[in-house]
Amino acid sequence: MARRVRAYVGLGSNTGDSAATLAVAVAALGALRGARLRAVSCLYVTRPVGVLDQPDFLNAVVALDVASGSDPDDGALALLRALKGIEADAGRTDGRRWGPRVLDLDLLVFGRARIVVERPPELAPARALASVDVAGVPPALTFLQVPHRDAADRLFVLAPLADLAPGLVPPGWHETAGTARARRERAEGAGAVRVVGDWDTHTGHWMQR
């Protein structure tokens, strides 16, 4: 039997019927070949980051058990390809960084692996670099980093992640997801993130609070 790992995927949307889009994405994640949907966070409204002149986002996180692959790089890349396919099916097109999104799916954590996948300048096939200190990697060259590069300081990630795994210490972090969430909530203040729905496993949607 193939070895499996726990992966956490962040979901975001601020265009169209975002709650419905995210619910469809959860169903698609659960239907991935070899994947098993383990948990879905509450649904949050969060302030936009970077580009402020846009609607607030809806965000959530799901926990999936997925095949580890022949090594963590292969497993994470396979899941990344699947996430990009789900985004495309939802109608996502490339837009400006931090701009509005029909659907954004980010691989936040992949088991205990710490991975950077770097795109060479000549755009040859990607070269995976596992278990490295990524501080010196230029962000422009990186298209997959696990744990996700910005997760430790993004409340739209930390709030739903802490719903599912408050005691989780992702590789390379020095605090739990719950502690990181509390830290960012103190820094950003009331209203930076708020719960608007609870996941209903029977309907496959969030029920409004």
N, C-alpha and C. Protein backbone atom coordinates (compact mmCIF):
# COMPACT_ATOMS: atom_id res chain seq x y z
N MET A 1 0.85 -1.19 0.00
CA MET A 1 0.00 0.00 0.00
C MET A 1 0.88 1.25 0.00
N ALA A 2 0.56 2.21 -0.86
CA ALA A 2 1.36 3.42 -0.99
C ALA A 2 1.30 4.24 0.29
N ARG A 3 2.45 4.81 0.67
CA ARG A 3 2.50 5.65 1.85
C ARG A 3 1.73 6.95 1.60
N ARG A 4 1.09 7.44 2.65
CA ARG A 4 0.28 8.64 2.53
C ARG A 4 0.77 9.70 3.51
N VAL A 5 0.51 10.95 3.17
CA VAL A 5 0.88 12.05 4.05
C VAL A 5 -0.32 12.98 4.20
N ARG A 6 -0.30 13.77 5.26
CA ARG A 6 -1.34 14.77 5.47
C ARG A 6 -0.90 16.08 4.81
N ALA A 7 -1.74 16.57 3.94
CA ALA A 7 -1.49 17.85 3.27
C ALA A 7 -2.56 18.84 3.67
N TYR A 8 -2.17 20.10 3.77
CA TYR A 8 -3.13 21.17 4.05
C TYR A 8 -3.11 22.13 2.85
N VAL A 9 -4.31 22.41 2.35
CA VAL A 9 -4.46 23.26 1.17
C VAL A 9 -5.30 24.48 1.54
N GLY A 10 -4.80 25.67 1.23
CA GLY A 10 -5.54 26.90 1.45
C GLY A 10 -6.39 27.25 0.24
N LEU A 11 -7.60 27.74 0.49
CA LEU A 11 -8.53 28.13 -0.55
C LEU A 11 -8.91 29.59 -0.38
N GLY A 12 -9.01 30.31 -1.49
CA GLY A 12 -9.42 31.70 -1.43
C GLY A 12 -10.16 32.12 -2.68
N SER A 13 -11.07 33.08 -2.53
CA SER A 13 -11.81 33.61 -3.67
C SER A 13 -12.42 34.95 -3.27
N ASN A 14 -12.46 35.89 -4.23
CA ASN A 14 -13.18 37.15 -3.99
C ASN A 14 -13.87 37.64 -5.24
N THR A 15 -14.14 36.74 -6.17
CA THR A 15 -14.81 37.09 -7.42
C THR A 15 -15.99 36.15 -7.65
N GLY A 16 -17.14 36.70 -8.00
CA GLY A 16 -18.31 35.87 -8.24
C GLY A 16 -18.90 35.34 -6.94
N ASP A 17 -19.57 34.19 -7.02
CA ASP A 17 -20.16 33.56 -5.84
C ASP A 17 -19.05 32.76 -5.16
N SER A 18 -18.28 33.44 -4.33
CA SER A 18 -17.07 32.84 -3.78
C SER A 18 -17.36 31.64 -2.89
N ALA A 19 -18.41 31.71 -2.09
CA ALA A 19 -18.73 30.58 -1.21
C ALA A 19 -19.04 29.34 -2.03
N ALA A 20 -19.80 29.50 -3.10
CA ALA A 20 -20.13 28.35 -3.96
C ALA A 20 -18.89 27.84 -4.67
N THR A 21 -18.05 28.75 -5.14
CA THR A 21 -16.81 28.35 -5.81
C THR A 21 -15.93 27.53 -4.88
N LEU A 22 -15.79 27.97 -3.64
CA LEU A 22 -14.94 27.25 -2.69
C LEU A 22 -15.54 25.90 -2.34
N ALA A 23 -16.86 25.81 -2.24
CA ALA A 23 -17.49 24.53 -1.95
C ALA A 23 -17.25 23.53 -3.10
N VAL A 24 -17.33 24.00 -4.33
CA VAL A 24 -17.03 23.15 -5.48
C VAL A 24 -15.58 22.70 -5.44
N ALA A 25 -14.69 23.60 -5.04
CA ALA A 25 -13.27 23.26 -4.95
C ALA A 25 -13.03 22.20 -3.89
N VAL A 26 -13.72 22.30 -2.75
CA VAL A 26 -13.58 21.27 -1.71
C VAL A 26 -14.00 19.91 -2.26
N ALA A 27 -15.12 19.88 -2.98
CA ALA A 27 -15.57 18.62 -3.57
C ALA A 27 -14.54 18.08 -4.56
N ALA A 28 -13.96 18.97 -5.36
CA ALA A 28 -12.95 18.54 -6.33
C ALA A 28 -11.71 18.00 -5.65
N LEU A 29 -11.30 18.63 -4.56
CA LEU A 29 -10.14 18.14 -3.81
C LEU A 29 -10.41 16.75 -3.24
N GLY A 30 -11.61 16.56 -2.70
CA GLY A 30 -11.96 15.27 -2.14
C GLY A 30 -12.08 14.18 -3.18
N ALA A 31 -12.33 14.58 -4.44
CA ALA A 31 -12.48 13.62 -5.52
C ALA A 31 -11.18 13.31 -6.25
N LEU A 32 -10.08 13.94 -5.87
CA LEU A 32 -8.81 13.66 -6.52
C LEU A 32 -8.44 12.19 -6.34
N ARG A 33 -7.88 11.62 -7.37
CA ARG A 33 -7.52 10.21 -7.33
C ARG A 33 -6.54 9.94 -6.19
N GLY A 34 -6.89 9.01 -5.34
CA GLY A 34 -6.02 8.62 -4.25
C GLY A 34 -6.07 9.52 -3.04
N ALA A 35 -6.88 10.59 -3.10
CA ALA A 35 -6.96 11.53 -1.98
C ALA A 35 -8.14 11.20 -1.09
N ARG A 36 -8.03 11.58 0.16
CA ARG A 36 -9.13 11.43 1.10
C ARG A 36 -9.28 12.73 1.88
N LEU A 37 -10.46 13.32 1.78
CA LEU A 37 -10.74 14.57 2.48
C LEU A 37 -10.94 14.27 3.97
N ARG A 38 -10.13 14.90 4.80
CA ARG A 38 -10.17 14.62 6.23
C ARG A 38 -10.92 15.68 7.03
N ALA A 39 -10.79 16.95 6.66
CA ALA A 39 -11.44 18.00 7.42
C ALA A 39 -11.50 19.27 6.60
N VAL A 40 -12.49 20.11 6.92
CA VAL A 40 -12.67 21.40 6.27
C VAL A 40 -12.85 22.45 7.35
N SER A 41 -12.14 23.54 7.25
CA SER A 41 -12.21 24.60 8.26
C SER A 41 -13.51 25.38 8.15
N CYS A 42 -13.68 26.30 9.09
CA CYS A 42 -14.71 27.31 8.95
C CYS A 42 -14.41 28.19 7.74
N LEU A 43 -15.41 28.94 7.32
CA LEU A 43 -15.25 29.90 6.22
C LEU A 43 -15.02 31.28 6.83
N TYR A 44 -13.99 31.96 6.33
CA TYR A 44 -13.60 33.26 6.88
C TYR A 44 -13.70 34.35 5.83
N VAL A 45 -14.03 35.55 6.29
CA VAL A 45 -13.85 36.76 5.50
C VAL A 45 -12.56 37.42 5.96
N THR A 46 -11.69 37.75 5.01
CA THR A 46 -10.40 38.36 5.35
C THR A 46 -10.15 39.57 4.46
N ARG A 47 -9.39 40.50 5.00
CA ARG A 47 -9.03 41.69 4.23
C ARG A 47 -8.02 41.31 3.14
N PRO A 48 -8.09 41.97 1.99
CA PRO A 48 -7.08 41.70 0.95
C PRO A 48 -5.69 42.14 1.39
N VAL A 49 -4.68 41.48 0.84
CA VAL A 49 -3.28 41.79 1.14
C VAL A 49 -2.61 42.26 -0.13
N GLY A 50 -1.77 43.27 -0.03
CA GLY A 50 -1.01 43.73 -1.19
C GLY A 50 -1.77 44.72 -2.03
N VAL A 51 -2.82 44.28 -2.69
CA VAL A 51 -3.70 45.16 -3.48
C VAL A 51 -4.97 45.36 -2.66
N LEU A 52 -5.12 46.54 -2.09
CA LEU A 52 -6.22 46.76 -1.14
C LEU A 52 -7.51 47.17 -1.81
N ASP A 53 -7.44 47.70 -3.03
CA ASP A 53 -8.63 48.18 -3.73
C ASP A 53 -9.31 47.03 -4.46
N GLN A 54 -9.90 46.13 -3.67
CA GLN A 54 -10.61 44.97 -4.21
C GLN A 54 -11.49 44.42 -3.10
N PRO A 55 -12.44 43.55 -3.46
CA PRO A 55 -13.34 43.01 -2.41
C PRO A 55 -12.58 42.15 -1.41
N ASP A 56 -13.17 42.01 -0.22
CA ASP A 56 -12.63 41.07 0.76
C ASP A 56 -12.66 39.66 0.19
N PHE A 57 -11.82 38.81 0.75
CA PHE A 57 -11.74 37.42 0.32
C PHE A 57 -12.53 36.51 1.25
N LEU A 58 -12.98 35.40 0.71
CA LEU A 58 -13.41 34.27 1.52
C LEU A 58 -12.27 33.26 1.50
N ASN A 59 -11.95 32.71 2.67
CA ASN A 59 -10.84 31.77 2.79
C ASN A 59 -11.21 30.58 3.65
N ALA A 60 -10.55 29.46 3.36
CA ALA A 60 -10.71 28.24 4.15
C ALA A 60 -9.47 27.40 3.95
N VAL A 61 -9.36 26.32 4.72
CA VAL A 61 -8.29 25.34 4.58
C VAL A 61 -8.89 23.95 4.67
N VAL A 62 -8.39 23.04 3.86
CA VAL A 62 -8.81 21.64 3.95
C VAL A 62 -7.60 20.77 4.29
N ALA A 63 -7.87 19.68 4.97
CA ALA A 63 -6.87 18.66 5.26
C ALA A 63 -7.14 17.47 4.37
N LEU A 64 -6.11 17.02 3.65
CA LEU A 64 -6.22 15.88 2.74
C LEU A 64 -5.16 14.86 3.09
N ASP A 65 -5.51 13.59 3.00
CA ASP A 65 -4.50 12.54 2.99
C ASP A 65 -4.26 12.15 1.55
N VAL A 66 -3.01 12.24 1.11
CA VAL A 66 -2.65 12.01 -0.28
C VAL A 66 -1.44 11.10 -0.36
N ALA A 67 -1.22 10.53 -1.55
CA ALA A 67 -0.04 9.70 -1.75
C ALA A 67 1.22 10.54 -1.62
N SER A 68 2.23 9.97 -0.96
CA SER A 68 3.46 10.71 -0.75
C SER A 68 4.30 10.82 -2.01
N GLY A 69 4.06 9.94 -2.99
CA GLY A 69 4.90 9.91 -4.18
C GLY A 69 6.19 9.17 -3.91
N SER A 70 7.02 9.05 -4.93
CA SER A 70 8.29 8.35 -4.78
C SER A 70 9.22 9.09 -3.83
N ASP A 71 9.07 10.41 -3.71
CA ASP A 71 9.73 11.22 -2.70
C ASP A 71 8.85 12.44 -2.48
N PRO A 72 9.09 13.24 -1.45
CA PRO A 72 8.21 14.37 -1.17
C PRO A 72 8.08 15.35 -2.33
N ASP A 73 9.17 15.57 -3.07
CA ASP A 73 9.10 16.48 -4.21
C ASP A 73 8.08 16.02 -5.24
N ASP A 74 8.15 14.73 -5.59
CA ASP A 74 7.23 14.20 -6.59
C ASP A 74 5.79 14.27 -6.10
N GLY A 75 5.57 13.90 -4.84
CA GLY A 75 4.22 13.94 -4.30
C GLY A 75 3.65 15.34 -4.26
N ALA A 76 4.46 16.30 -3.82
CA ALA A 76 3.99 17.68 -3.74
C ALA A 76 3.73 18.26 -5.12
N LEU A 77 4.60 17.94 -6.09
CA LEU A 77 4.39 18.44 -7.45
C LEU A 77 3.14 17.84 -8.08
N ALA A 78 2.89 16.56 -7.82
CA ALA A 78 1.67 15.94 -8.34
C ALA A 78 0.43 16.63 -7.78
N LEU A 79 0.46 16.93 -6.48
CA LEU A 79 -0.68 17.63 -5.89
C LEU A 79 -0.79 19.04 -6.43
N LEU A 80 0.34 19.72 -6.61
CA LEU A 80 0.31 21.07 -7.18
C LEU A 80 -0.33 21.08 -8.56
N ARG A 81 0.03 20.10 -9.40
CA ARG A 81 -0.58 20.03 -10.73
C ARG A 81 -2.09 19.86 -10.63
N ALA A 82 -2.53 19.05 -9.68
CA ALA A 82 -3.97 18.85 -9.49
C ALA A 82 -4.64 20.15 -9.04
N LEU A 83 -3.99 20.89 -8.16
CA LEU A 83 -4.56 22.16 -7.70
C LEU A 83 -4.70 23.14 -8.85
N LYS A 84 -3.70 23.21 -9.71
CA LYS A 84 -3.76 24.12 -10.85
C LYS A 84 -4.88 23.72 -11.81
N GLY A 85 -5.11 22.41 -11.95
CA GLY A 85 -6.22 21.95 -12.78
C GLY A 85 -7.57 22.37 -12.23
N ILE A 86 -7.73 22.29 -10.91
CA ILE A 86 -8.99 22.71 -10.29
C ILE A 86 -9.19 24.21 -10.45
N GLU A 87 -8.12 24.99 -10.30
CA GLU A 87 -8.22 26.43 -10.52
C GLU A 87 -8.66 26.73 -11.95
N ALA A 88 -8.06 26.04 -12.91
CA ALA A 88 -8.41 26.28 -14.31
C ALA A 88 -9.87 25.92 -14.58
N ASP A 89 -10.33 24.82 -14.00
CA ASP A 89 -11.72 24.42 -14.18
C ASP A 89 -12.69 25.45 -13.62
N ALA A 90 -12.25 26.18 -12.59
CA ALA A 90 -13.09 27.21 -11.99
C ALA A 90 -13.08 28.51 -12.80
N GLY A 91 -12.21 28.57 -13.82
CA GLY A 91 -12.16 29.74 -14.67
C GLY A 91 -11.08 30.73 -14.33
N ARG A 92 -10.12 30.29 -13.51
CA ARG A 92 -9.04 31.20 -13.16
C ARG A 92 -8.13 31.45 -14.35
N THR A 93 -7.73 32.70 -14.52
CA THR A 93 -6.71 33.08 -15.49
C THR A 93 -5.64 33.86 -14.75
N ASP A 94 -4.47 33.96 -15.37
CA ASP A 94 -3.38 34.70 -14.73
C ASP A 94 -3.77 36.16 -14.56
N GLY A 95 -3.50 36.71 -13.40
CA GLY A 95 -3.78 38.11 -13.13
C GLY A 95 -2.64 38.72 -12.36
N ARG A 96 -2.78 39.96 -11.95
CA ARG A 96 -1.71 40.62 -11.23
C ARG A 96 -1.55 40.00 -9.85
N ARG A 97 -0.33 40.03 -9.36
CA ARG A 97 -0.02 39.48 -8.05
C ARG A 97 -0.88 40.16 -6.99
N TRP A 98 -1.49 39.35 -6.12
CA TRP A 98 -2.35 39.79 -5.03
C TRP A 98 -3.67 40.39 -5.52
N GLY A 99 -3.95 40.28 -6.81
CA GLY A 99 -5.19 40.82 -7.34
C GLY A 99 -6.37 39.90 -7.11
N PRO A 100 -7.55 40.28 -7.63
CA PRO A 100 -8.76 39.46 -7.46
C PRO A 100 -8.57 38.06 -8.04
N ARG A 101 -9.25 37.08 -7.43
CA ARG A 101 -9.13 35.69 -7.86
C ARG A 101 -10.49 35.01 -7.83
N VAL A 102 -10.81 34.32 -8.91
CA VAL A 102 -11.97 33.43 -8.90
C VAL A 102 -11.72 32.29 -7.92
N LEU A 103 -10.50 31.73 -7.98
CA LEU A 103 -10.13 30.65 -7.07
C LEU A 103 -8.61 30.61 -6.93
N ASP A 104 -8.16 30.53 -5.71
CA ASP A 104 -6.74 30.42 -5.41
C ASP A 104 -6.56 29.22 -4.49
N LEU A 105 -5.74 28.26 -4.91
CA LEU A 105 -5.44 27.08 -4.11
C LEU A 105 -3.95 27.04 -3.85
N ASP A 106 -3.58 27.02 -2.58
CA ASP A 106 -2.17 27.01 -2.19
C ASP A 106 -1.85 25.76 -1.37
N LEU A 107 -0.79 25.09 -1.75
CA LEU A 107 -0.30 23.96 -0.96
C LEU A 107 0.49 24.53 0.20
N LEU A 108 -0.05 24.40 1.40
CA LEU A 108 0.54 25.01 2.59
C LEU A 108 1.53 24.10 3.28
N VAL A 109 1.14 22.84 3.47
CA VAL A 109 1.95 21.87 4.20
C VAL A 109 1.81 20.53 3.51
N PHE A 110 2.93 19.80 3.41
CA PHE A 110 2.92 18.46 2.80
C PHE A 110 3.67 17.52 3.74
N GLY A 111 2.93 16.93 4.67
CA GLY A 111 3.55 16.05 5.64
C GLY A 111 4.61 16.79 6.43
N ARG A 112 5.77 16.16 6.58
CA ARG A 112 6.88 16.78 7.31
C ARG A 112 7.95 17.29 6.35
N ALA A 113 7.63 17.38 5.08
CA ALA A 113 8.63 17.77 4.09
C ALA A 113 8.81 19.28 4.06
N ARG A 114 10.06 19.67 3.82
CA ARG A 114 10.39 21.06 3.57
C ARG A 114 11.02 21.11 2.19
N ILE A 115 10.34 21.76 1.26
CA ILE A 115 10.67 21.63 -0.16
C ILE A 115 10.71 23.00 -0.82
N VAL A 116 11.64 23.18 -1.73
CA VAL A 116 11.62 24.30 -2.66
C VAL A 116 11.76 23.72 -4.05
N VAL A 117 10.90 24.15 -4.96
CA VAL A 117 11.01 23.77 -6.36
C VAL A 117 11.30 25.04 -7.13
N GLU A 118 12.43 25.06 -7.81
CA GLU A 118 12.94 26.26 -8.45
C GLU A 118 12.89 26.12 -9.97
N ARG A 119 12.42 27.17 -10.63
CA ARG A 119 12.39 27.18 -12.09
C ARG A 119 13.70 27.75 -12.61
N PRO A 120 14.49 26.95 -13.36
CA PRO A 120 15.77 27.47 -13.88
C PRO A 120 15.54 28.62 -14.86
N PRO A 121 16.52 29.50 -15.03
CA PRO A 121 16.36 30.64 -15.93
C PRO A 121 16.01 30.25 -17.36
N GLU A 122 16.52 29.11 -17.82
CA GLU A 122 16.25 28.70 -19.20
C GLU A 122 14.92 27.99 -19.35
N LEU A 123 14.14 27.93 -18.25
CA LEU A 123 12.81 27.30 -18.26
C LEU A 123 12.88 25.83 -18.62
N ALA A 124 13.98 25.19 -18.27
CA ALA A 124 14.08 23.73 -18.42
C ALA A 124 13.17 23.09 -17.38
N PRO A 125 12.98 21.76 -17.42
CA PRO A 125 12.14 21.11 -16.42
C PRO A 125 12.59 21.48 -15.01
N ALA A 126 11.60 21.62 -14.11
CA ALA A 126 11.88 22.10 -12.77
C ALA A 126 12.86 21.20 -12.04
N ARG A 127 13.68 21.82 -11.20
CA ARG A 127 14.64 21.09 -10.38
C ARG A 127 14.19 21.20 -8.94
N ALA A 128 13.99 20.07 -8.27
CA ALA A 128 13.50 20.07 -6.90
C ALA A 128 14.66 20.08 -5.93
N LEU A 129 14.54 20.91 -4.91
CA LEU A 129 15.54 21.00 -3.87
C LEU A 129 14.86 20.75 -2.54
N ALA A 130 15.10 19.61 -1.92
CA ALA A 130 14.40 19.26 -0.69
C ALA A 130 15.29 19.50 0.51
N SER A 131 14.63 19.80 1.64
CA SER A 131 15.30 19.94 2.93
C SER A 131 16.46 20.93 2.87
N VAL A 132 16.17 22.13 2.36
CA VAL A 132 17.21 23.15 2.27
C VAL A 132 16.76 24.40 2.99
N ASP A 133 17.72 25.24 3.34
CA ASP A 133 17.43 26.56 3.86
C ASP A 133 17.10 27.44 2.67
N VAL A 134 15.85 27.96 2.60
CA VAL A 134 15.41 28.64 1.39
C VAL A 134 15.55 30.16 1.48
N ALA A 135 16.21 30.65 2.52
CA ALA A 135 16.24 32.10 2.73
C ALA A 135 16.85 32.84 1.56
N GLY A 136 17.82 32.21 0.85
CA GLY A 136 18.50 32.91 -0.23
C GLY A 136 17.92 32.67 -1.60
N VAL A 137 16.79 31.96 -1.70
CA VAL A 137 16.21 31.66 -3.01
C VAL A 137 15.40 32.86 -3.48
N PRO A 138 15.70 33.43 -4.64
CA PRO A 138 14.92 34.57 -5.14
C PRO A 138 13.47 34.17 -5.35
N PRO A 139 12.49 34.89 -4.77
CA PRO A 139 11.09 34.52 -4.92
C PRO A 139 10.64 34.42 -6.36
N ALA A 140 11.20 35.23 -7.25
CA ALA A 140 10.77 35.21 -8.65
C ALA A 140 11.06 33.88 -9.32
N LEU A 141 12.03 33.13 -8.79
CA LEU A 141 12.39 31.86 -9.39
C LEU A 141 11.64 30.68 -8.78
N THR A 142 10.88 30.93 -7.71
CA THR A 142 10.28 29.86 -6.96
C THR A 142 8.79 29.75 -7.27
N PHE A 143 8.33 28.54 -7.65
CA PHE A 143 6.90 28.40 -7.85
C PHE A 143 6.28 27.37 -6.93
N LEU A 144 7.06 26.70 -6.13
CA LEU A 144 6.51 25.87 -5.06
C LEU A 144 7.46 25.89 -3.88
N GLN A 145 6.94 26.27 -2.74
CA GLN A 145 7.69 26.20 -1.50
C GLN A 145 6.77 25.64 -0.44
N VAL A 146 7.23 24.59 0.24
CA VAL A 146 6.45 23.93 1.27
C VAL A 146 7.30 23.84 2.52
N PRO A 147 6.82 24.33 3.67
CA PRO A 147 5.58 25.08 3.85
C PRO A 147 5.56 26.36 3.01
N HIS A 148 4.35 26.81 2.70
CA HIS A 148 4.19 27.97 1.85
C HIS A 148 4.94 29.16 2.44
N ARG A 149 5.61 29.91 1.56
CA ARG A 149 6.54 30.96 1.98
C ARG A 149 5.91 31.99 2.91
N ASP A 150 4.67 32.40 2.66
CA ASP A 150 4.07 33.50 3.41
C ASP A 150 3.11 33.04 4.50
N ALA A 151 2.94 31.73 4.66
CA ALA A 151 1.87 31.23 5.53
C ALA A 151 2.00 31.70 6.97
N ALA A 152 3.21 31.78 7.49
CA ALA A 152 3.40 32.09 8.91
C ALA A 152 2.97 33.50 9.28
N ASP A 153 2.80 34.37 8.29
CA ASP A 153 2.43 35.76 8.56
C ASP A 153 1.14 36.18 7.87
N ARG A 154 0.36 35.22 7.39
CA ARG A 154 -0.88 35.55 6.69
C ARG A 154 -2.07 35.04 7.49
N LEU A 155 -2.84 35.96 8.02
CA LEU A 155 -3.96 35.57 8.86
C LEU A 155 -5.02 34.80 8.08
N PHE A 156 -5.12 35.08 6.78
CA PHE A 156 -6.11 34.35 5.98
C PHE A 156 -5.74 32.88 5.84
N VAL A 157 -4.49 32.54 6.09
CA VAL A 157 -4.05 31.14 6.15
C VAL A 157 -4.12 30.62 7.58
N LEU A 158 -3.61 31.41 8.52
CA LEU A 158 -3.45 30.93 9.89
C LEU A 158 -4.78 30.67 10.58
N ALA A 159 -5.78 31.51 10.35
CA ALA A 159 -7.05 31.32 11.04
C ALA A 159 -7.70 29.98 10.67
N PRO A 160 -7.90 29.69 9.39
CA PRO A 160 -8.49 28.38 9.07
C PRO A 160 -7.57 27.20 9.34
N LEU A 161 -6.25 27.38 9.18
CA LEU A 161 -5.33 26.29 9.49
C LEU A 161 -5.40 25.95 10.97
N ALA A 162 -5.47 26.96 11.82
CA ALA A 162 -5.56 26.72 13.26
C ALA A 162 -6.88 26.08 13.65
N ASP A 163 -7.92 26.27 12.86
CA ASP A 163 -9.17 25.54 13.09
C ASP A 163 -8.92 24.03 13.07
N LEU A 164 -8.15 23.60 12.08
CA LEU A 164 -7.97 22.17 11.83
C LEU A 164 -6.83 21.58 12.64
N ALA A 165 -5.77 22.34 12.86
CA ALA A 165 -4.57 21.79 13.50
C ALA A 165 -3.89 22.86 14.34
N PRO A 166 -4.50 23.27 15.44
CA PRO A 166 -3.92 24.36 16.23
C PRO A 166 -2.55 24.03 16.80
N GLY A 167 -2.28 22.74 17.03
CA GLY A 167 -0.99 22.35 17.60
C GLY A 167 0.06 22.01 16.57
N LEU A 168 -0.26 22.14 15.29
CA LEU A 168 0.69 21.82 14.23
C LEU A 168 1.84 22.80 14.21
N VAL A 169 3.07 22.27 14.16
CA VAL A 169 4.27 23.09 13.95
C VAL A 169 4.83 22.69 12.59
N PRO A 170 4.51 23.44 11.53
CA PRO A 170 5.02 23.08 10.21
C PRO A 170 6.55 23.09 10.18
N PRO A 171 7.16 22.30 9.31
CA PRO A 171 8.62 22.27 9.21
C PRO A 171 9.21 23.67 9.02
N GLY A 172 10.21 24.00 9.82
CA GLY A 172 10.85 25.30 9.73
C GLY A 172 10.22 26.38 10.59
N TRP A 173 9.02 26.12 11.14
CA TRP A 173 8.39 27.09 12.02
C TRP A 173 8.90 26.87 13.44
N HIS A 174 8.72 27.89 14.28
CA HIS A 174 9.11 27.80 15.68
C HIS A 174 7.92 28.06 16.61
N GLU A 175 6.73 27.90 16.07
CA GLU A 175 5.51 28.08 16.84
C GLU A 175 4.41 27.25 16.21
N THR A 176 3.35 27.02 16.97
CA THR A 176 2.22 26.28 16.43
C THR A 176 1.36 27.18 15.56
N ALA A 177 0.49 26.55 14.77
CA ALA A 177 -0.44 27.33 13.95
C ALA A 177 -1.35 28.18 14.84
N GLY A 178 -1.76 27.64 15.98
CA GLY A 178 -2.62 28.40 16.89
C GLY A 178 -1.92 29.60 17.48
N THR A 179 -0.66 29.45 17.85
CA THR A 179 0.12 30.57 18.39
C THR A 179 0.36 31.63 17.33
N ALA A 180 0.65 31.19 16.11
CA ALA A 180 0.88 32.13 15.02
C ALA A 180 -0.40 32.92 14.71
N ARG A 181 -1.54 32.23 14.76
CA ARG A 181 -2.81 32.93 14.52
C ARG A 181 -3.02 34.02 15.57
N ALA A 182 -2.82 33.68 16.84
CA ALA A 182 -3.01 34.66 17.90
C ALA A 182 -2.06 35.84 17.74
N ARG A 183 -0.83 35.56 17.34
CA ARG A 183 0.15 36.63 17.13
C ARG A 183 -0.31 37.60 16.05
N ARG A 184 -0.78 37.05 14.93
CA ARG A 184 -1.21 37.92 13.83
C ARG A 184 -2.51 38.65 14.15
N GLU A 185 -3.40 38.02 14.91
CA GLU A 185 -4.64 38.71 15.29
C GLU A 185 -4.34 39.91 16.18
N ARG A 186 -3.36 39.76 17.08
CA ARG A 186 -2.97 40.91 17.91
C ARG A 186 -2.38 42.02 17.05
N ALA A 187 -1.58 41.64 16.04
CA ALA A 187 -0.92 42.64 15.20
C ALA A 187 -1.90 43.36 14.27
N GLU A 188 -2.87 42.62 13.73
CA GLU A 188 -3.74 43.19 12.71
C GLU A 188 -5.04 43.77 13.27
N GLY A 189 -5.40 43.37 14.48
CA GLY A 189 -6.56 43.97 15.12
C GLY A 189 -7.87 43.31 14.77
N ALA A 190 -8.90 43.69 15.52
CA ALA A 190 -10.24 43.14 15.32
C ALA A 190 -10.74 43.47 13.92
N GLY A 191 -11.40 42.54 13.32
CA GLY A 191 -11.97 42.74 12.00
C GLY A 191 -11.08 42.29 10.86
N ALA A 192 -9.83 41.94 11.16
CA ALA A 192 -8.94 41.48 10.09
C ALA A 192 -9.41 40.14 9.54
N VAL A 193 -10.05 39.34 10.38
CA VAL A 193 -10.57 38.05 9.96
C VAL A 193 -11.78 37.72 10.82
N ARG A 194 -12.82 37.17 10.20
CA ARG A 194 -13.99 36.77 10.97
C ARG A 194 -14.66 35.57 10.32
N VAL A 195 -15.24 34.73 11.16
CA VAL A 195 -15.92 33.53 10.69
C VAL A 195 -17.29 33.89 10.15
N VAL A 196 -17.63 33.34 8.99
CA VAL A 196 -18.97 33.58 8.42
C VAL A 196 -19.71 32.29 8.13
N GLY A 197 -19.06 31.13 8.28
CA GLY A 197 -19.75 29.87 7.98
C GLY A 197 -19.06 28.68 8.58
N ASP A 198 -19.85 27.62 8.82
CA ASP A 198 -19.35 26.35 9.33
C ASP A 198 -19.63 25.26 8.30
N TRP A 199 -18.64 24.40 8.05
CA TRP A 199 -18.76 23.38 7.03
C TRP A 199 -19.78 22.31 7.45
N ASP A 200 -20.68 21.99 6.52
CA ASP A 200 -21.69 20.95 6.73
C ASP A 200 -21.33 19.77 5.83
N THR A 201 -20.90 18.67 6.41
CA THR A 201 -20.46 17.53 5.62
C THR A 201 -21.61 16.90 4.84
N HIS A 202 -22.84 17.07 5.30
CA HIS A 202 -23.98 16.45 4.63
C HIS A 202 -24.36 17.18 3.34
N THR A 203 -24.30 18.51 3.37
CA THR A 203 -24.67 19.30 2.19
C THR A 203 -23.46 19.63 1.32
N GLY A 204 -22.26 19.55 1.90
CA GLY A 204 -21.06 19.93 1.15
C GLY A 204 -20.97 21.43 0.93
N HIS A 205 -21.50 22.20 1.88
CA HIS A 205 -21.43 23.66 1.82
C HIS A 205 -21.21 24.20 3.23
N TRP A 206 -20.83 25.48 3.27
CA TRP A 206 -20.75 26.14 4.56
C TRP A 206 -22.12 26.67 4.93
N MET A 207 -22.52 26.47 6.17
CA MET A 207 -23.76 27.01 6.68
C MET A 207 -23.48 28.36 7.32
N GLN A 208 -24.23 29.35 6.90
CA GLN A 208 -23.98 30.72 7.34
C GLN A 208 -24.19 30.87 8.84
N ARG A 209 -23.30 31.60 9.50
CA ARG A 209 -23.46 31.89 10.92
C ARG A 209 -24.37 33.10 11.11
